[in-house]
């Protein structure tokens, strides 16, 4: 479901601010990378995630596709578009 408005999201993904380059399924784009600590119902861990503009993602992006961010390698573990032009990509650490 989309929200029915067109917003220029590029300022939120400017590399001079919070975003950094990442490679998603062979496409380089600007994304906000979060490799932070999380705690949920007494389970602790790290849940790395990319936040990016949905329009920048390669068509057919799927679980298992390769991602490189902050010098580390990951695979896509989940794809969650929010309907406003932003997609959250859950990552599974591979190496780096």
Protein backbone atom coordinates (compact mmCIF):
# COMPACT_ATOMS: atom_id res chain seq x y z
CA UNK A 1 0.00 0.00 0.00
CA UNK A 2 1.31 3.45 -0.88
CA UNK A 3 0.29 6.60 0.91
CA UNK A 4 -0.58 8.52 -2.27
CA UNK A 5 1.94 11.37 -2.08
CA UNK A 6 5.23 12.04 -3.79
CA UNK A 7 7.93 13.21 -1.42
CA UNK A 8 11.56 13.88 -2.33
CA UNK A 9 13.34 11.57 0.09
CA UNK A 10 16.84 12.25 -1.25
CA UNK A 11 17.79 14.71 1.55
CA UNK A 12 17.28 11.93 4.08
CA UNK A 13 19.70 9.72 2.18
CA UNK A 14 22.43 12.29 1.50
CA UNK A 15 25.88 10.84 2.17
CA UNK A 16 26.94 14.16 3.71
CA UNK A 17 24.46 13.50 6.49
CA UNK A 18 23.46 10.03 7.76
CA UNK A 19 23.66 7.80 4.70
CA UNK A 20 26.63 5.92 3.32
CA UNK A 21 27.23 3.94 0.14
CA UNK A 22 26.08 0.33 0.15
CA UNK A 23 25.88 -2.31 -2.55
CA UNK A 24 22.63 -4.26 -2.76
CA UNK A 25 22.44 -7.11 -5.28
CA UNK A 26 25.14 -5.46 -7.39
CA UNK A 27 23.63 -1.94 -7.30
CA UNK A 28 25.41 0.83 -5.38
CA UNK A 29 23.05 3.18 -3.55
CA UNK A 30 22.92 5.52 -0.56
CA UNK A 31 21.46 3.94 2.55
CA UNK A 32 21.34 4.37 6.28
CA UNK A 33 23.17 1.41 7.83
CA UNK A 34 22.36 0.37 11.38
CA UNK A 35 24.45 -2.35 12.99
CA UNK A 36 23.21 -1.61 16.48
CA UNK A 37 22.45 -3.64 19.55
CA UNK A 38 18.86 -4.78 20.14
CA UNK A 39 17.08 -6.45 23.02
CA UNK A 40 13.68 -8.09 22.69
CA UNK A 41 11.98 -10.18 25.39
CA UNK A 42 15.25 -11.02 27.14
CA UNK A 43 17.02 -11.93 23.86
CA UNK A 44 20.03 -9.78 23.10
CA UNK A 45 21.87 -9.42 19.83
CA UNK A 46 22.71 -7.36 16.82
CA UNK A 47 20.20 -6.93 14.03
CA UNK A 48 21.93 -5.16 11.14
CA UNK A 49 19.61 -3.27 8.82
CA UNK A 50 19.70 -0.97 5.80
CA UNK A 51 17.15 1.78 5.28
CA UNK A 52 16.94 3.06 1.71
CA UNK A 53 14.70 4.62 -0.88
CA UNK A 54 12.52 1.92 -2.42
CA UNK A 55 13.03 3.40 -5.91
CA UNK A 56 16.82 2.84 -5.64
CA UNK A 57 16.53 -0.91 -5.04
CA UNK A 58 17.17 -3.37 -7.86
CA UNK A 59 14.05 -5.02 -9.26
CA UNK A 60 13.52 -8.53 -7.98
CA UNK A 61 15.48 -8.04 -4.76
CA UNK A 62 15.07 -11.22 -2.72
CA UNK A 63 16.19 -12.93 0.47
CA UNK A 64 19.71 -14.25 0.08
CA UNK A 65 20.92 -11.47 -2.24
CA UNK A 66 24.36 -10.06 -1.43
CA UNK A 67 24.80 -6.75 0.42
CA UNK A 68 27.97 -4.87 1.30
CA UNK A 69 27.83 -2.08 3.88
CA UNK A 70 30.48 -0.51 6.10
CA UNK A 71 33.11 -2.87 4.70
CA UNK A 72 31.21 -6.00 5.74
CA UNK A 73 29.34 -8.62 3.72
CA UNK A 74 25.74 -9.58 4.41
CA UNK A 75 22.84 -11.32 2.75
CA UNK A 76 19.27 -10.06 2.65
CA UNK A 77 17.23 -11.69 5.44
CA UNK A 78 14.04 -9.67 5.02
CA UNK A 79 12.58 -6.86 2.92
CA UNK A 80 10.06 -4.50 4.52
CA UNK A 81 8.75 -1.61 2.38
CA UNK A 82 6.82 0.86 4.51
CA UNK A 83 4.54 2.20 1.78
CA UNK A 84 5.99 5.72 1.85
CA UNK A 85 8.93 5.12 -0.50
CA UNK A 86 11.28 3.73 2.14
CA UNK A 87 12.33 0.09 2.47
CA UNK A 88 14.00 -1.58 5.45
CA UNK A 89 16.28 -4.49 4.60
CA UNK A 90 17.13 -6.90 7.40
CA UNK A 91 20.62 -8.33 7.01
CA UNK A 92 22.37 -11.56 7.91
CA UNK A 93 26.12 -11.17 8.61
CA UNK A 94 28.47 -13.13 6.32
CA UNK A 95 31.99 -11.73 6.83
CA UNK A 96 34.17 -8.70 7.25
